[in-house]
C-alpha cells in the first residue's frame, strides 16, 4: 500500500501539510477516527504505533472488537451506459450483476 504504514496489522495513512509543515495520518479500516501527526517521518511512525497501542488498549477496556466490521455491501455509482453494458455482459455469461462486479474487483486488486 502506497503512502501507508503498517503496525500489528493496522494500516495508517501518510500525508503532509505544507501549510503546517507536519506529517499526519489516520488509522485505516476501523470504525473509530484516530489521527496522529509528527514533524518528521520517524516521529510520525512513533505516533502512529502509539495510536495503535492506545486504540487496542481502549478497546480492551471497553470490551469492544477493535476492527471495523465489513458487511460485504457498498454502493457504487457508475454511468447508466456502463451499468447497461455490465448488465448485458453479466447476463451473456450467465452471471448476476453482483457476481460480475465481485469478479472484476477481485481481478483488479490481484
PDB file of N, CA and C in Angstrom:
ATOM      1  N   UNK A   1       0.844  -1.170   0.000  1.00  0.00           N
ATOM      2  CA  UNK A   1       0.000   0.000   0.000  1.00  0.00           C
ATOM      3  C   UNK A   1       0.894   1.239   0.000  1.00  0.00           C
ATOM      4  N   UNK A   2       0.644   2.130  -0.922  1.00  0.00           N
ATOM      5  CA  UNK A   2       1.430   3.351  -1.057  1.00  0.00           C
ATOM      6  C   UNK A   2       0.998   4.384  -0.020  1.00  0.00           C
ATOM      7  N   UNK A   3       1.938   5.168   0.454  1.00  0.00           N
ATOM      8  CA  UNK A   3       1.645   6.222   1.429  1.00  0.00           C
ATOM      9  C   UNK A   3       0.921   5.687   2.653  1.00  0.00           C
ATOM     10  N   UNK A   4       1.409   4.550   3.162  1.00  0.00           N
ATOM     11  CA  UNK A   4       0.798   3.956   4.353  1.00  0.00           C
ATOM     12  C   UNK A   4       1.864   3.250   5.176  1.00  0.00           C
ATOM     13  N   UNK A   5       1.597   3.169   6.464  1.00  0.00           N
ATOM     14  CA  UNK A   5       2.466   2.436   7.386  1.00  0.00           C
ATOM     15  C   UNK A   5       1.681   1.248   7.916  1.00  0.00           C
ATOM     16  N   UNK A   6       2.392   0.217   8.357  1.00  0.00           N
ATOM     17  CA  UNK A   6       1.758  -0.980   8.883  1.00  0.00           C
ATOM     18  C   UNK A   6       2.359  -1.274  10.250  1.00  0.00           C
ATOM     19  N   UNK A   7       1.485  -1.542  11.215  1.00  0.00           N
ATOM     20  CA  UNK A   7       1.929  -1.916  12.556  1.00  0.00           C
ATOM     21  C   UNK A   7       0.872  -2.838  13.157  1.00  0.00           C
ATOM     22  N   UNK A   8       1.274  -4.031  13.526  1.00  0.00           N
ATOM     23  CA  UNK A   8       0.378  -5.022  14.125  1.00  0.00           C
ATOM     24  C   UNK A   8      -0.857  -5.280  13.266  1.00  0.00           C
ATOM     25  N   UNK A   9      -0.683  -5.226  11.958  1.00  0.00           N
ATOM     26  CA  UNK A   9      -1.780  -5.499  11.052  1.00  0.00           C
ATOM     27  C   UNK A   9      -2.698  -4.313  10.800  1.00  0.00           C
ATOM     28  N   UNK A  10      -2.404  -3.175  11.374  1.00  0.00           N
ATOM     29  CA  UNK A  10      -3.185  -1.958  11.143  1.00  0.00           C
ATOM     30  C   UNK A  10      -2.425  -1.069  10.179  1.00  0.00           C
ATOM     31  N   UNK A  11      -3.168  -0.406   9.319  1.00  0.00           N
ATOM     32  CA  UNK A  11      -2.570   0.485   8.340  1.00  0.00           C
ATOM     33  C   UNK A  11      -2.905   1.919   8.695  1.00  0.00           C
ATOM     34  N   UNK A  12      -1.923   2.771   8.491  1.00  0.00           N
ATOM     35  CA  UNK A  12      -2.121   4.191   8.735  1.00  0.00           C
ATOM     36  C   UNK A  12      -1.711   4.985   7.518  1.00  0.00           C
ATOM     37  N   UNK A  13      -2.512   5.977   7.195  1.00  0.00           N
ATOM     38  CA  UNK A  13      -2.212   6.816   6.038  1.00  0.00           C
ATOM     39  C   UNK A  13      -1.055   7.758   6.370  1.00  0.00           C
ATOM     40  N   UNK A  14      -0.395   8.242   5.322  1.00  0.00           N
ATOM     41  CA  UNK A  14       0.704   9.198   5.469  1.00  0.00           C
ATOM     42  C   UNK A  14       0.436  10.358   4.526  1.00  0.00           C
ATOM     43  N   UNK A  15       0.286  11.539   5.102  1.00  0.00           N
ATOM     44  CA  UNK A  15       0.065  12.738   4.307  1.00  0.00           C
ATOM     45  C   UNK A  15       0.963  13.842   4.854  1.00  0.00           C
ATOM     46  N   UNK A  16       1.105  14.905   4.082  1.00  0.00           N
ATOM     47  CA  UNK A  16       1.936  16.030   4.505  1.00  0.00           C
ATOM     48  C   UNK A  16       1.184  17.328   4.299  1.00  0.00           C
ATOM     49  N   UNK A  17       1.215  18.176   5.317  1.00  0.00           N
ATOM     50  CA  UNK A  17       0.621  19.508   5.215  1.00  0.00           C
ATOM     51  C   UNK A  17       1.742  20.513   5.053  1.00  0.00           C
ATOM     52  N   UNK A  18       1.855  21.083   3.856  1.00  0.00           N
ATOM     53  CA  UNK A  18       2.874  22.099   3.606  1.00  0.00           C
ATOM     54  C   UNK A  18       2.592  23.350   4.439  1.00  0.00           C
ATOM     55  N   UNK A  19       1.317  23.638   4.607  1.00  0.00           N
ATOM     56  CA  UNK A  19       0.909  24.819   5.372  1.00  0.00           C
ATOM     57  C   UNK A  19       1.347  24.737   6.833  1.00  0.00           C
ATOM     58  N   UNK A  20       1.183  23.548   7.425  1.00  0.00           N
ATOM     59  CA  UNK A  20       1.526  23.356   8.835  1.00  0.00           C
ATOM     60  C   UNK A  20       2.923  22.760   9.028  1.00  0.00           C
ATOM     61  N   UNK A  21       3.566  22.350   7.912  1.00  0.00           N
ATOM     62  CA  UNK A  21       4.890  21.734   7.946  1.00  0.00           C
ATOM     63  C   UNK A  21       4.915  20.513   8.868  1.00  0.00           C
ATOM     64  N   UNK A  22       3.919  19.620   8.669  1.00  0.00           N
ATOM     65  CA  UNK A  22       3.796  18.439   9.515  1.00  0.00           C
ATOM     66  C   UNK A  22       3.250  17.268   8.696  1.00  0.00           C
ATOM     67  N   UNK A  23       3.705  16.075   9.060  1.00  0.00           N
ATOM     68  CA  UNK A  23       3.145  14.845   8.516  1.00  0.00           C
ATOM     69  C   UNK A  23       1.951  14.469   9.390  1.00  0.00           C
ATOM     70  N   UNK A  24       0.925  13.856   8.784  1.00  0.00           N
ATOM     71  CA  UNK A  24      -0.234  13.431   9.560  1.00  0.00           C
ATOM     72  C   UNK A  24      -0.877  12.235   8.880  1.00  0.00           C
ATOM     73  N   UNK A  25      -1.769  11.583   9.587  1.00  0.00           N
ATOM     74  CA  UNK A  25      -2.485  10.456   9.016  1.00  0.00           C
ATOM     75  C   UNK A  25      -3.544   9.964   9.965  1.00  0.00           C
ATOM     76  N   UNK A  26      -4.207   8.879   9.563  1.00  0.00           N
ATOM     77  CA  UNK A  26      -5.233   8.254  10.399  1.00  0.00           C
ATOM     78  C   UNK A  26      -5.161   6.743  10.209  1.00  0.00           C
ATOM     79  N   UNK A  27      -5.639   6.022  11.211  1.00  0.00           N
ATOM     80  CA  UNK A  27      -5.693   4.567  11.119  1.00  0.00           C
ATOM     81  C   UNK A  27      -6.827   4.207  10.170  1.00  0.00           C
ATOM     82  N   UNK A  28      -6.522   3.359   9.207  1.00  0.00           N
ATOM     83  CA  UNK A  28      -7.462   2.983   8.158  1.00  0.00           C
ATOM     84  C   UNK A  28      -8.137   1.657   8.523  1.00  0.00           C
ATOM     85  N   UNK A  29      -9.425   1.540   8.227  1.00  0.00           N
ATOM     86  CA  UNK A  29     -10.115   0.263   8.360  1.00  0.00           C
ATOM     87  C   UNK A  29     -10.702  -0.021   9.726  1.00  0.00           C
ATOM     88  N   UNK A  30     -10.921   1.024  10.533  1.00  0.00           N
ATOM     89  CA  UNK A  30     -11.570   0.845  11.828  1.00  0.00           C
ATOM     90  C   UNK A  30     -12.754   1.804  11.909  1.00  0.00           C
ATOM     91  N   UNK A  31     -13.671   1.522  12.809  1.00  0.00           N
ATOM     92  CA  UNK A  31     -14.843   2.377  12.963  1.00  0.00           C
ATOM     93  C   UNK A  31     -14.491   3.732  13.567  1.00  0.00           C
ATOM     94  N   UNK A  32     -13.535   3.747  14.486  1.00  0.00           N
ATOM     95  CA  UNK A  32     -13.167   4.984  15.169  1.00  0.00           C
ATOM     96  C   UNK A  32     -12.241   5.830  14.313  1.00  0.00           C
ATOM     97  N   UNK A  33     -12.292   7.128  14.520  1.00  0.00           N
ATOM     98  CA  UNK A  33     -11.439   8.053  13.767  1.00  0.00           C
ATOM     99  C   UNK A  33     -10.243   8.417  14.642  1.00  0.00           C
ATOM    100  N   UNK A  34      -9.110   7.797  14.352  1.00  0.00           N
ATOM    101  CA  UNK A  34      -7.906   8.027  15.137  1.00  0.00           C
ATOM    102  C   UNK A  34      -6.840   8.633  14.239  1.00  0.00           C
ATOM    103  N   UNK A  35      -6.407   9.829  14.625  1.00  0.00           N
ATOM    104  CA  UNK A  35      -5.426  10.585  13.839  1.00  0.00           C
ATOM    105  C   UNK A  35      -4.119  10.683  14.627  1.00  0.00           C
ATOM    106  N   UNK A  36      -3.053  10.973  13.918  1.00  0.00           N
ATOM    107  CA  UNK A  36      -1.740  11.142  14.522  1.00  0.00           C
ATOM    108  C   UNK A  36      -0.946  12.096  13.635  1.00  0.00           C
ATOM    109  N   UNK A  37       0.127  12.643  14.177  1.00  0.00           N
ATOM    110  CA  UNK A  37       0.977  13.532  13.382  1.00  0.00           C
ATOM    111  C   UNK A  37       2.396  13.497  13.930  1.00  0.00           C
ATOM    112  N   UNK A  38       3.318  14.038  13.139  1.00  0.00           N
ATOM    113  CA  UNK A  38       4.713  14.134  13.538  1.00  0.00           C
ATOM    114  C   UNK A  38       5.444  15.112  12.649  1.00  0.00           C
ATOM    115  N   UNK A  39       6.457  15.739  13.200  1.00  0.00           N
ATOM    116  CA  UNK A  39       7.213  16.722  12.420  1.00  0.00           C
ATOM    117  C   UNK A  39       8.322  16.083  11.590  1.00  0.00           C
ATOM    118  N   UNK A  40       8.550  14.792  11.808  1.00  0.00           N
ATOM    119  CA  UNK A  40       9.478  14.012  10.985  1.00  0.00           C
ATOM    120  C   UNK A  40       8.815  12.667  10.687  1.00  0.00           C
ATOM    121  N   UNK A  41       9.345  11.957   9.726  1.00  0.00           N
ATOM    122  CA  UNK A  41       8.805  10.631   9.411  1.00  0.00           C
ATOM    123  C   UNK A  41       8.968   9.709  10.615  1.00  0.00           C
ATOM    124  N   UNK A  42      10.100   9.810  11.288  1.00  0.00           N
ATOM    125  CA  UNK A  42      10.348   8.984  12.469  1.00  0.00           C
ATOM    126  C   UNK A  42       9.311   9.262  13.562  1.00  0.00           C
ATOM    127  N   UNK A  43       9.020  10.533  13.807  1.00  0.00           N
ATOM    128  CA  UNK A  43       8.010  10.886  14.810  1.00  0.00           C
ATOM    129  C   UNK A  43       6.615  10.459  14.372  1.00  0.00           C
ATOM    130  N   UNK A  44       6.324  10.593  13.082  1.00  0.00           N
ATOM    131  CA  UNK A  44       5.030  10.163  12.575  1.00  0.00           C
ATOM    132  C   UNK A  44       4.835   8.669  12.835  1.00  0.00           C
ATOM    133  N   UNK A  45       5.855   7.875  12.511  1.00  0.00           N
ATOM    134  CA  UNK A  45       5.763   6.425  12.729  1.00  0.00           C
ATOM    135  C   UNK A  45       5.576   6.120  14.216  1.00  0.00           C
ATOM    136  N   UNK A  46       6.327   6.800  15.068  1.00  0.00           N
ATOM    137  CA  UNK A  46       6.216   6.574  16.517  1.00  0.00           C
ATOM    138  C   UNK A  46       4.806   6.899  17.003  1.00  0.00           C
ATOM    139  N   UNK A  47       4.259   8.031  16.557  1.00  0.00           N
ATOM    140  CA  UNK A  47       2.914   8.420  16.981  1.00  0.00           C
ATOM    141  C   UNK A  47       1.849   7.483  16.405  1.00  0.00           C
ATOM    142  N   UNK A  48       2.066   6.990  15.193  1.00  0.00           N
ATOM    143  CA  UNK A  48       1.154   6.007  14.610  1.00  0.00           C
ATOM    144  C   UNK A  48       1.139   4.742  15.461  1.00  0.00           C
ATOM    145  N   UNK A  49       2.315   4.213  15.790  1.00  0.00           N
ATOM    146  CA  UNK A  49       2.399   2.998  16.590  1.00  0.00           C
ATOM    147  C   UNK A  49       1.801   3.200  17.976  1.00  0.00           C
ATOM    148  N   UNK A  50       2.041   4.361  18.588  1.00  0.00           N
ATOM    149  CA  UNK A  50       1.443   4.674  19.889  1.00  0.00           C
ATOM    150  C   UNK A  50      -0.083   4.743  19.774  1.00  0.00           C
ATOM    151  N   UNK A  51      -0.574   5.286  18.670  1.00  0.00           N
ATOM    152  CA  UNK A  51      -2.020   5.386  18.454  1.00  0.00           C
ATOM    153  C   UNK A  51      -2.650   4.006  18.339  1.00  0.00           C
ATOM    154  N   UNK A  52      -1.974   3.091  17.640  1.00  0.00           N
ATOM    155  CA  UNK A  52      -2.479   1.714  17.530  1.00  0.00           C
ATOM    156  C   UNK A  52      -2.514   1.070  18.907  1.00  0.00           C
ATOM    157  N   UNK A  53      -1.436   1.220  19.664  1.00  0.00           N
ATOM    158  CA  UNK A  53      -1.383   0.642  21.018  1.00  0.00           C
ATOM    159  C   UNK A  53      -2.489   1.212  21.899  1.00  0.00           C
ATOM    160  N   UNK A  54      -2.678   2.534  21.861  1.00  0.00           N
ATOM    161  CA  UNK A  54      -3.730   3.177  22.654  1.00  0.00           C
ATOM    162  C   UNK A  54      -5.104   2.660  22.234  1.00  0.00           C
ATOM    163  N   UNK A  55      -5.309   2.559  20.939  1.00  0.00           N
ATOM    164  CA  UNK A  55      -6.585   2.084  20.400  1.00  0.00           C
ATOM    165  C   UNK A  55      -6.880   0.672  20.892  1.00  0.00           C
ATOM    166  N   UNK A  56      -5.903  -0.215  20.793  1.00  0.00           N
ATOM    167  CA  UNK A  56      -6.098  -1.595  21.238  1.00  0.00           C
ATOM    168  C   UNK A  56      -6.370  -1.658  22.740  1.00  0.00           C
ATOM    169  N   UNK A  57      -5.664  -0.845  23.502  1.00  0.00           N
ATOM    170  CA  UNK A  57      -5.855  -0.803  24.954  1.00  0.00           C
ATOM    171  C   UNK A  57      -7.256  -0.311  25.315  1.00  0.00           C
ATOM    172  N   UNK A  58      -7.717   0.734  24.643  1.00  0.00           N
ATOM    173  CA  UNK A  58      -9.057   1.275  24.900  1.00  0.00           C
ATOM    174  C   UNK A  58     -10.124   0.254  24.523  1.00  0.00           C
ATOM    175  N   UNK A  59      -9.917  -0.450  23.415  1.00  0.00           N
ATOM    176  CA  UNK A  59     -10.877  -1.485  23.012  1.00  0.00           C
ATOM    177  C   UNK A  59     -10.995  -2.569  24.070  1.00  0.00           C
ATOM    178  N   UNK A  60      -9.867  -2.978  24.642  1.00  0.00           N
ATOM    179  CA  UNK A  60      -9.890  -3.988  25.701  1.00  0.00           C
ATOM    180  C   UNK A  60     -10.667  -3.455  26.902  1.00  0.00           C
ATOM    181  N   UNK A  61     -10.381  -2.217  27.288  1.00  0.00           N
ATOM    182  CA  UNK A  61     -11.074  -1.610  28.435  1.00  0.00           C
ATOM    183  C   UNK A  61     -12.582  -1.535  28.216  1.00  0.00           C
ATOM    184  N   UNK A  62     -12.988  -1.242  26.980  1.00  0.00           N
ATOM    185  CA  UNK A  62     -14.409  -1.108  26.671  1.00  0.00           C
ATOM    186  C   UNK A  62     -15.075  -2.435  26.304  1.00  0.00           C
ATOM    187  N   UNK A  63     -14.264  -3.474  26.128  1.00  0.00           N
ATOM    188  CA  UNK A  63     -14.795  -4.777  25.748  1.00  0.00           C
ATOM    189  C   UNK A  63     -15.385  -4.797  24.343  1.00  0.00           C
ATOM    190  N   UNK A  64     -14.760  -4.058  23.424  1.00  0.00           N
ATOM    191  CA  UNK A  64     -15.288  -3.995  22.057  1.00  0.00           C
ATOM    192  C   UNK A  64     -14.284  -4.556  21.060  1.00  0.00           C
ATOM    193  N   UNK A  65     -14.803  -5.008  19.937  1.00  0.00           N
ATOM    194  CA  UNK A  65     -13.952  -5.500  18.860  1.00  0.00           C
ATOM    195  C   UNK A  65     -13.200  -4.319  18.256  1.00  0.00           C
ATOM    196  N   UNK A  66     -11.890  -4.431  18.074  1.00  0.00           N
ATOM    197  CA  UNK A  66     -11.119  -3.290  17.593  1.00  0.00           C
ATOM    198  C   UNK A  66     -11.254  -2.973  16.110  1.00  0.00           C
ATOM    199  N   UNK A  67     -11.584  -3.921  15.294  1.00  0.00           N
ATOM    200  CA  UNK A  67     -11.593  -3.653  13.863  1.00  0.00           C
ATOM    201  C   UNK A  67     -12.978  -3.340  13.326  1.00  0.00           C
ATOM    202  N   UNK A  68     -12.993  -2.691  12.212  1.00  0.00           N
ATOM    203  CA  UNK A  68     -14.241  -2.374  11.525  1.00  0.00           C
ATOM    204  C   UNK A  68     -14.858  -3.655  10.990  1.00  0.00           C
ATOM    205  N   UNK A  69     -16.161  -3.746  11.101  1.00  0.00           N
ATOM    206  CA  UNK A  69     -16.859  -4.885  10.523  1.00  0.00           C
ATOM    207  C   UNK A  69     -17.354  -4.496   9.138  1.00  0.00           C
ATOM    208  N   UNK A  70     -17.024  -5.320   8.191  1.00  0.00           N
ATOM    209  CA  UNK A  70     -17.450  -5.093   6.810  1.00  0.00           C
ATOM    210  C   UNK A  70     -18.602  -6.033   6.516  1.00  0.00           C
ATOM    211  N   UNK A  71     -19.699  -5.470   6.046  1.00  0.00           N
ATOM    212  CA  UNK A  71     -20.892  -6.266   5.753  1.00  0.00           C
ATOM    213  C   UNK A  71     -20.796  -6.948   4.401  1.00  0.00           C
ATOM    214  N   UNK A  72     -19.933  -6.466   3.551  1.00  0.00           N
ATOM    215  CA  UNK A  72     -19.833  -7.040   2.210  1.00  0.00           C
ATOM    216  C   UNK A  72     -20.747  -6.362   1.210  1.00  0.00           C
ATOM    217  N   UNK A  73     -21.335  -5.249   1.610  1.00  0.00           N
ATOM    218  CA  UNK A  73     -22.173  -4.487   0.686  1.00  0.00           C
ATOM    219  C   UNK A  73     -21.725  -3.035   0.679  1.00  0.00           C
ATOM    220  N   UNK A  74     -21.783  -2.425  -0.484  1.00  0.00           N
ATOM    221  CA  UNK A  74     -21.489  -0.999  -0.614  1.00  0.00           C
ATOM    222  C   UNK A  74     -22.094  -0.502  -1.912  1.00  0.00           C
ATOM    223  N   UNK A  75     -22.335   0.780  -1.973  1.00  0.00           N
ATOM    224  CA  UNK A  75     -22.919   1.374  -3.174  1.00  0.00           C
ATOM    225  C   UNK A  75     -21.821   1.855  -4.107  1.00  0.00           C
ATOM    226  N   UNK A  76     -22.033   1.634  -5.379  1.00  0.00           N
ATOM    227  CA  UNK A  76     -21.105   2.096  -6.403  1.00  0.00           C
ATOM    228  C   UNK A  76     -21.901   2.900  -7.416  1.00  0.00           C
ATOM    229  N   UNK A  77     -21.437   4.095  -7.724  1.00  0.00           N
ATOM    230  CA  UNK A  77     -22.128   4.925  -8.709  1.00  0.00           C
ATOM    231  C   UNK A  77     -21.344   4.912 -10.012  1.00  0.00           C
ATOM    232  N   UNK A  78     -22.012   4.494 -11.077  1.00  0.00           N
ATOM    233  CA  UNK A  78     -21.398   4.449 -12.398  1.00  0.00           C
ATOM    234  C   UNK A  78     -22.367   5.081 -13.390  1.00  0.00           C
ATOM    235  N   UNK A  79     -21.893   5.305 -14.579  1.00  0.00           N
ATOM    236  CA  UNK A  79     -22.765   5.904 -15.592  1.00  0.00           C
ATOM    237  C   UNK A  79     -23.841   4.895 -16.006  1.00  0.00           C
ATOM    238  N   UNK A  80     -24.987   5.380 -16.455  1.00  0.00           N
ATOM    239  CA  UNK A  80     -26.038   4.463 -16.928  1.00  0.00           C
ATOM    240  C   UNK A  80     -25.555   3.570 -18.073  1.00  0.00           C
ATOM    241  N   UNK A  81     -24.717   4.097 -18.945  1.00  0.00           N
ATOM    242  CA  UNK A  81     -24.216   3.293 -20.068  1.00  0.00           C
ATOM    243  C   UNK A  81     -23.341   2.144 -19.569  1.00  0.00           C
ATOM    244  N   UNK A  82     -22.479   2.418 -18.611  1.00  0.00           N
ATOM    245  CA  UNK A  82     -21.631   1.363 -18.061  1.00  0.00           C
ATOM    246  C   UNK A  82     -22.487   0.338 -17.319  1.00  0.00           C
ATOM    247  N   UNK A  83     -23.482   0.792 -16.589  1.00  0.00           N
ATOM    248  CA  UNK A  83     -24.391  -0.105 -15.881  1.00  0.00           C
ATOM    249  C   UNK A  83     -25.084  -1.051 -16.872  1.00  0.00           C
ATOM    250  N   UNK A  84     -25.561  -0.481 -17.968  1.00  0.00           N
ATOM    251  CA  UNK A  84     -26.226  -1.283 -19.005  1.00  0.00           C
ATOM    252  C   UNK A  84     -25.270  -2.311 -19.591  1.00  0.00           C
ATOM    253  N   UNK A  85     -24.060  -1.861 -19.962  1.00  0.00           N
ATOM    254  CA  UNK A  85     -23.067  -2.769 -20.546  1.00  0.00           C
ATOM    255  C   UNK A  85     -22.696  -3.896 -19.590  1.00  0.00           C
ATOM    256  N   UNK A  86     -22.566  -3.563 -18.307  1.00  0.00           N
ATOM    257  CA  UNK A  86     -22.231  -4.581 -17.323  1.00  0.00           C
ATOM    258  C   UNK A  86     -23.381  -5.572 -17.147  1.00  0.00           C
ATOM    259  N   UNK A  87     -24.598  -5.079 -17.152  1.00  0.00           N
ATOM    260  CA  UNK A  87     -25.761  -5.966 -17.039  1.00  0.00           C
ATOM    261  C   UNK A  87     -25.827  -6.918 -18.230  1.00  0.00           C
ATOM    262  N   UNK A  88     -25.590  -6.400 -19.440  1.00  0.00           N
ATOM    263  CA  UNK A  88     -25.595  -7.244 -20.635  1.00  0.00           C
ATOM    264  C   UNK A  88     -24.439  -8.240 -20.600  1.00  0.00           C
ATOM    265  N   UNK A  89     -23.274  -7.790 -20.203  1.00  0.00           N
ATOM    266  CA  UNK A  89     -22.092  -8.651 -20.087  1.00  0.00           C
ATOM    267  C   UNK A  89     -22.381  -9.794 -19.110  1.00  0.00           C
ATOM    268  N   UNK A  90     -22.914  -9.446 -17.954  1.00  0.00           N
ATOM    269  CA  UNK A  90     -23.211 -10.452 -16.921  1.00  0.00           C
ATOM    270  C   UNK A  90     -24.206 -11.479 -17.426  1.00  0.00           C
ATOM    271  N   UNK A  91     -25.297 -10.989 -18.000  1.00  0.00           N
ATOM    272  CA  UNK A  91     -26.344 -11.888 -18.485  1.00  0.00           C
ATOM    273  C   UNK A  91     -25.838 -12.812 -19.582  1.00  0.00           C
ATOM    274  N   UNK A  92     -24.988 -12.277 -20.461  1.00  0.00           N
ATOM    275  CA  UNK A  92     -24.481 -13.095 -21.568  1.00  0.00           C
ATOM    276  C   UNK A  92     -23.563 -14.213 -21.080  1.00  0.00           C
ATOM    277  N   UNK A  93     -23.082 -14.102 -19.870  1.00  0.00           N
ATOM    278  CA  UNK A  93     -22.206 -15.129 -19.299  1.00  0.00           C
ATOM    279  C   UNK A  93     -22.905 -15.935 -18.200  1.00  0.00           C
ATOM    280  N   UNK A  94     -24.212 -15.701 -18.060  1.00  0.00           N
ATOM    281  CA  UNK A  94     -24.982 -16.455 -17.074  1.00  0.00           C
ATOM    282  C   UNK A  94     -24.643 -16.089 -15.637  1.00  0.00           C
ATOM    283  N   UNK A  95     -24.229 -14.846 -15.414  1.00  0.00           N
ATOM    284  CA  UNK A  95     -23.856 -14.395 -14.078  1.00  0.00           C
ATOM    285  C   UNK A  95     -24.798 -13.291 -13.622  1.00  0.00           C
ATOM    286  N   UNK A  96     -24.856 -13.133 -12.314  1.00  0.00           N
ATOM    287  CA  UNK A  96     -25.591 -11.993 -11.782  1.00  0.00           C
ATOM    288  C   UNK A  96     -24.697 -10.762 -11.896  1.00  0.00           C
ATOM    289  N   UNK A  97     -25.301  -9.609 -11.795  1.00  0.00           N
ATOM    290  CA  UNK A  97     -24.550  -8.364 -11.805  1.00  0.00           C
ATOM    291  C   UNK A  97     -23.559  -8.328 -10.639  1.00  0.00           C
ATOM    292  N   UNK A  98     -24.007  -8.759  -9.464  1.00  0.00           N
ATOM    293  CA  UNK A  98     -23.117  -8.791  -8.301  1.00  0.00           C
ATOM    294  C   UNK A  98     -21.920  -9.707  -8.525  1.00  0.00           C
ATOM    295  N   UNK A  99     -22.149 -10.866  -9.100  1.00  0.00           N
ATOM    296  CA  UNK A  99     -21.052 -11.812  -9.351  1.00  0.00           C
ATOM    297  C   UNK A  99     -20.037 -11.212 -10.321  1.00  0.00           C
ATOM    298  N   UNK A 100     -20.513 -10.523 -11.343  1.00  0.00           N
ATOM    299  CA  UNK A 100     -19.603  -9.908 -12.314  1.00  0.00           C
ATOM    300  C   UNK A 100     -18.781  -8.791 -11.676  1.00  0.00           C
ATOM    301  N   UNK A 101     -19.428  -7.980 -10.843  1.00  0.00           N
ATOM    302  CA  UNK A 101     -18.718  -6.888 -10.169  1.00  0.00           C
ATOM    303  C   UNK A 101     -17.684  -7.455  -9.201  1.00  0.00           C
ATOM    304  N   UNK A 102     -18.064  -8.468  -8.433  1.00  0.00           N
ATOM    305  CA  UNK A 102     -17.127  -9.083  -7.494  1.00  0.00           C
ATOM    306  C   UNK A 102     -15.916  -9.661  -8.234  1.00  0.00           C
ATOM    307  N   UNK A 103     -16.166 -10.340  -9.337  1.00  0.00           N
ATOM    308  CA  UNK A 103     -15.076 -10.911 -10.140  1.00  0.00           C
ATOM    309  C   UNK A 103     -14.162  -9.815 -10.679  1.00  0.00           C
ATOM    310  N   UNK A 104     -14.750  -8.718 -11.161  1.00  0.00           N
ATOM    311  CA  UNK A 104     -13.958  -7.608 -11.708  1.00  0.00           C
ATOM    312  C   UNK A 104     -13.104  -6.967 -10.620  1.00  0.00           C
ATOM    313  N   UNK A 105     -13.664  -6.783  -9.441  1.00  0.00           N
ATOM    314  CA  UNK A 105     -12.913  -6.179  -8.339  1.00  0.00           C
ATOM    315  C   UNK A 105     -11.789  -7.100  -7.907  1.00  0.00           C
ATOM    316  N   UNK A 106     -12.089  -8.381  -7.758  1.00  0.00           N
ATOM    317  CA  UNK A 106     -11.064  -9.350  -7.370  1.00  0.00           C
ATOM    318  C   UNK A 106      -9.909  -9.346  -8.367  1.00  0.00           C
ATOM    319  N   UNK A 107     -10.237  -9.330  -9.646  1.00  0.00           N
ATOM    320  CA  UNK A 107      -9.219  -9.305 -10.704  1.00  0.00           C
ATOM    321  C   UNK A 107      -8.397  -8.012 -10.634  1.00  0.00           C
ATOM    322  N   UNK A 108      -9.060  -6.919 -10.369  1.00  0.00           N
ATOM    323  CA  UNK A 108      -8.395  -5.615 -10.310  1.00  0.00           C
ATOM    324  C   UNK A 108      -7.396  -5.522  -9.153  1.00  0.00           C
ATOM    325  N   UNK A 109      -7.770  -6.011  -7.976  1.00  0.00           N
ATOM    326  CA  UNK A 109      -6.874  -5.860  -6.830  1.00  0.00           C
ATOM    327  C   UNK A 109      -5.813  -6.942  -6.751  1.00  0.00           C
ATOM    328  N   UNK A 110      -5.973  -8.023  -7.488  1.00  0.00           N
ATOM    329  CA  UNK A 110      -4.941  -9.066  -7.506  1.00  0.00           C
ATOM    330  C   UNK A 110      -4.028  -8.765  -8.634  1.00  0.00           C
TER     331      UNK A 110
END
